[in-house]
Amino acid sequence: MGLARNVTKVTAPIARRVRLMARRAVVRLVYDDLKMQEVQLAVFDGEVRDHVERWEDYGFTSHPLVGAEALVLALGGSTDHGAVVKVGDRRYRVTGLEAGEVCIYTDEGDRITFKRGREIVIDTQTLTINASTKVTLNTPLVETSGEVKAASDVLDQSGGSGRTMASMRSVYNSHTHPGGGGPDPSM
């Protein structure tokens, strides 16, 4: 019995550190103005940890909502130096994707879904593209279910002898019909 107690006494701190290496937590506050985002967490055993670094993948960032769940690693087995490696929010997670599909989403319902068959679907209320030089669409067809508006002129057949809408409007507005009858034969 004495040997078992001694082994337990020696291994107990190690076992505790192993148990605390990965824990679940809930996001209570986000510090998003730092070079590396930090969060305040409520760990499931009732402990509150403040200014815990949140590691994000290069090229991707987000500002999690209060109440999102986090996976916290205790680096070196010490809860004094934790790192959040994943944050998820089951309240808003998109479900029903087919195998292999990917979706970027928000709690407001915005989505960019990479679907099977090499199709990308964007769902939002307003989509703004800011391009300082130009936007090029290399496709044989562009369709819209509504109006097309341009703040400047529109050019058709730009690779050949096309005309702008303004120049066509100028020709149309200046033409006359002789005697008030049919079209002007000179046009």
Foldseek 3Di string as FASTA:
>chain_A
DVVVVVVCVVCVVVVLLVVQQKFKWFFAAWDDPDPFIFTWTQTPVRDIDGRATEDDDPPDDDDDDGGWMWIWGQVVSHPNHIYTDDTGHPVQDDDDADPPKDWDADNVGWIWIQHPPRDTDTDDDDDDDDDPPDDDDPDPDDDDPDDDDDPDWAWPPVVDPIDIPVVVVVVVVPADDPPNDDGDVVD
